[in-house]
């Protein structure tokens, strides 16, 4: 799901294309899910402080590849929030999340 050595017109496409290939791979398993079954697609660190330019950690790219009408997030407090004094005073670093697909009936 991360950058590959590919020739793309833009850096944006270089980040997006591997993520789209990853999505296609993951979604090839959705028919094996029970009704309401869940696939955890990725762990997103500090989801409220997204300044990463890389694939799944880039909100703009992630939202385009994994639209919220089909995918969702499960939010929770970051373990670093409890262990790192800097994290506990910076609310943007408080939450992590998992990007998920849930098979609906």
C-alpha atoms as a PDB file:
ATOM      1  CA  UNK A   1       0.000   0.000   0.000  1.00  0.00           C
ATOM      2  CA  UNK A   2       3.035   2.276   0.152  1.00  0.00           C
ATOM      3  CA  UNK A   3       5.141   4.020  -2.460  1.00  0.00           C
ATOM      4  CA  UNK A   4       6.607   1.888  -5.192  1.00  0.00           C
ATOM      5  CA  UNK A   5       9.216   2.675  -7.784  1.00  0.00           C
ATOM      6  CA  UNK A   6       6.731   3.493 -10.508  1.00  0.00           C
ATOM      7  CA  UNK A   7       6.705   6.125 -13.180  1.00  0.00           C
ATOM      8  CA  UNK A   8       3.707   8.388 -12.640  1.00  0.00           C
ATOM      9  CA  UNK A   9       2.716  11.774 -13.947  1.00  0.00           C
ATOM     10  CA  UNK A  10       2.500  13.209 -10.432  1.00  0.00           C
ATOM     11  CA  UNK A  11       3.622  12.430  -6.900  1.00  0.00           C
ATOM     12  CA  UNK A  12      -0.085  12.289  -5.994  1.00  0.00           C
ATOM     13  CA  UNK A  13      -0.640   9.384  -8.403  1.00  0.00           C
ATOM     14  CA  UNK A  14       2.513   7.677  -7.162  1.00  0.00           C
ATOM     15  CA  UNK A  15       0.970   7.679  -3.670  1.00  0.00           C
ATOM     16  CA  UNK A  16      -2.571   6.835  -4.796  1.00  0.00           C
ATOM     17  CA  UNK A  17      -2.012   3.966  -7.260  1.00  0.00           C
ATOM     18  CA  UNK A  18      -0.419   1.512  -4.770  1.00  0.00           C
ATOM     19  CA  UNK A  19      -3.255   2.276  -2.329  1.00  0.00           C
ATOM     20  CA  UNK A  20      -5.845   1.524  -5.015  1.00  0.00           C
ATOM     21  CA  UNK A  21      -4.090  -1.781  -5.763  1.00  0.00           C
ATOM     22  CA  UNK A  22      -4.124  -2.574  -2.033  1.00  0.00           C
ATOM     23  CA  UNK A  23      -7.849  -1.774  -1.870  1.00  0.00           C
ATOM     24  CA  UNK A  24      -8.560  -4.096  -4.808  1.00  0.00           C
ATOM     25  CA  UNK A  25      -6.608  -6.869  -3.105  1.00  0.00           C
ATOM     26  CA  UNK A  26      -8.411  -6.410   0.237  1.00  0.00           C
ATOM     27  CA  UNK A  27     -11.829  -6.174  -1.405  1.00  0.00           C
ATOM     28  CA  UNK A  28     -11.233  -9.490  -3.204  1.00  0.00           C
ATOM     29  CA  UNK A  29     -11.897 -11.092   0.202  1.00  0.00           C
ATOM     30  CA  UNK A  30     -15.196  -9.356   0.988  1.00  0.00           C
ATOM     31  CA  UNK A  31     -17.353 -12.171  -0.398  1.00  0.00           C
ATOM     32  CA  UNK A  32     -15.814 -14.485   2.197  1.00  0.00           C
ATOM     33  CA  UNK A  33     -17.196 -12.373   5.052  1.00  0.00           C
ATOM     34  CA  UNK A  34     -20.289 -13.282   7.005  1.00  0.00           C
ATOM     35  CA  UNK A  35     -23.065 -10.676   7.054  1.00  0.00           C
ATOM     36  CA  UNK A  36     -21.808  -7.739   9.143  1.00  0.00           C
ATOM     37  CA  UNK A  37     -18.280  -9.190   8.942  1.00  0.00           C
ATOM     38  CA  UNK A  38     -15.427  -6.685   9.182  1.00  0.00           C
ATOM     39  CA  UNK A  39     -12.076  -6.314   7.446  1.00  0.00           C
ATOM     40  CA  UNK A  40      -9.588  -4.050   9.190  1.00  0.00           C
ATOM     41  CA  UNK A  41      -7.828  -2.314   6.329  1.00  0.00           C
ATOM     42  CA  UNK A  42      -5.270  -0.190   8.100  1.00  0.00           C
ATOM     43  CA  UNK A  43      -4.175   1.379  11.360  1.00  0.00           C
ATOM     44  CA  UNK A  44      -4.027   5.173  11.149  1.00  0.00           C
ATOM     45  CA  UNK A  45      -1.744   6.818  13.714  1.00  0.00           C
ATOM     46  CA  UNK A  46      -2.705  10.240  15.074  1.00  0.00           C
ATOM     47  CA  UNK A  47      -5.646  10.507  12.704  1.00  0.00           C
ATOM     48  CA  UNK A  48      -6.475  14.044  13.880  1.00  0.00           C
ATOM     49  CA  UNK A  49      -2.964  15.281  12.980  1.00  0.00           C
ATOM     50  CA  UNK A  50      -2.537  14.040   9.455  1.00  0.00           C
ATOM     51  CA  UNK A  51       0.419  15.717   7.856  1.00  0.00           C
ATOM     52  CA  UNK A  52       1.777  12.648   6.119  1.00  0.00           C
ATOM     53  CA  UNK A  53       2.090  12.573   2.368  1.00  0.00           C
ATOM     54  CA  UNK A  54       2.223   8.798   2.139  1.00  0.00           C
ATOM     55  CA  UNK A  55      -0.720   6.704   0.872  1.00  0.00           C
ATOM     56  CA  UNK A  56      -3.088   5.561   3.608  1.00  0.00           C
ATOM     57  CA  UNK A  57      -1.840   8.222   6.024  1.00  0.00           C
ATOM     58  CA  UNK A  58      -2.799  11.031   3.629  1.00  0.00           C
ATOM     59  CA  UNK A  59      -6.440  11.956   4.320  1.00  0.00           C
ATOM     60  CA  UNK A  60      -7.154  13.317   0.841  1.00  0.00           C
ATOM     61  CA  UNK A  61      -5.867  10.210  -0.910  1.00  0.00           C
ATOM     62  CA  UNK A  62      -7.380   7.819   1.630  1.00  0.00           C
ATOM     63  CA  UNK A  63     -10.825   9.448   1.386  1.00  0.00           C
ATOM     64  CA  UNK A  64     -10.717   9.228  -2.399  1.00  0.00           C
ATOM     65  CA  UNK A  65      -9.703   5.557  -2.458  1.00  0.00           C
ATOM     66  CA  UNK A  66     -11.800   4.501   0.566  1.00  0.00           C
ATOM     67  CA  UNK A  67     -14.948   6.726   0.473  1.00  0.00           C
ATOM     68  CA  UNK A  68     -16.944   6.968   3.686  1.00  0.00           C
ATOM     69  CA  UNK A  69     -20.150   5.727   2.066  1.00  0.00           C
ATOM     70  CA  UNK A  70     -18.486   2.298   1.804  1.00  0.00           C
ATOM     71  CA  UNK A  71     -15.793   2.376   4.510  1.00  0.00           C
ATOM     72  CA  UNK A  72     -15.658   3.608   8.088  1.00  0.00           C
ATOM     73  CA  UNK A  73     -13.318   4.351  10.975  1.00  0.00           C
ATOM     74  CA  UNK A  74     -13.144   2.923  14.473  1.00  0.00           C
ATOM     75  CA  UNK A  75     -11.574   5.591  16.706  1.00  0.00           C
ATOM     76  CA  UNK A  76      -9.779   5.019  19.999  1.00  0.00           C
ATOM     77  CA  UNK A  77      -7.230   6.706  22.228  1.00  0.00           C
ATOM     78  CA  UNK A  78      -3.664   6.247  21.142  1.00  0.00           C
ATOM     79  CA  UNK A  79      -1.483   4.191  23.457  1.00  0.00           C
ATOM     80  CA  UNK A  80       0.994   7.056  23.189  1.00  0.00           C
ATOM     81  CA  UNK A  81      -1.644   9.306  24.709  1.00  0.00           C
ATOM     82  CA  UNK A  82      -1.229   7.398  27.950  1.00  0.00           C
ATOM     83  CA  UNK A  83       2.526   6.898  27.783  1.00  0.00           C
ATOM     84  CA  UNK A  84       4.000  10.037  26.211  1.00  0.00           C
ATOM     85  CA  UNK A  85       3.644  13.370  28.067  1.00  0.00           C
ATOM     86  CA  UNK A  86       3.895  15.322  24.797  1.00  0.00           C
ATOM     87  CA  UNK A  87       1.033  13.370  23.239  1.00  0.00           C
ATOM     88  CA  UNK A  88      -1.221  13.860  26.246  1.00  0.00           C
ATOM     89  CA  UNK A  89      -0.975  17.658  25.928  1.00  0.00           C
ATOM     90  CA  UNK A  90      -1.508  17.716  22.159  1.00  0.00           C
ATOM     91  CA  UNK A  91      -5.165  16.863  21.413  1.00  0.00           C
ATOM     92  CA  UNK A  92      -4.419  16.266  17.716  1.00  0.00           C
ATOM     93  CA  UNK A  93      -2.266  13.279  18.718  1.00  0.00           C
ATOM     94  CA  UNK A  94      -4.839  11.833  21.114  1.00  0.00           C
ATOM     95  CA  UNK A  95      -6.636   9.484  18.711  1.00  0.00           C
ATOM     96  CA  UNK A  96      -5.687   6.647  16.438  1.00  0.00           C
ATOM     97  CA  UNK A  97      -8.138   4.798  14.210  1.00  0.00           C
ATOM     98  CA  UNK A  98      -8.614   1.712  12.116  1.00  0.00           C
ATOM     99  CA  UNK A  99     -10.005   2.032   8.616  1.00  0.00           C
ATOM    100  CA  UNK A 100     -12.549  -0.758   8.173  1.00  0.00           C
ATOM    101  CA  UNK A 101     -14.892  -2.335   5.670  1.00  0.00           C
ATOM    102  CA  UNK A 102     -18.105  -3.848   7.033  1.00  0.00           C
ATOM    103  CA  UNK A 103     -20.170  -6.167   4.864  1.00  0.00           C
ATOM    104  CA  UNK A 104     -23.797  -5.119   5.072  1.00  0.00           C
ATOM    105  CA  UNK A 105     -26.753  -7.285   4.220  1.00  0.00           C
END
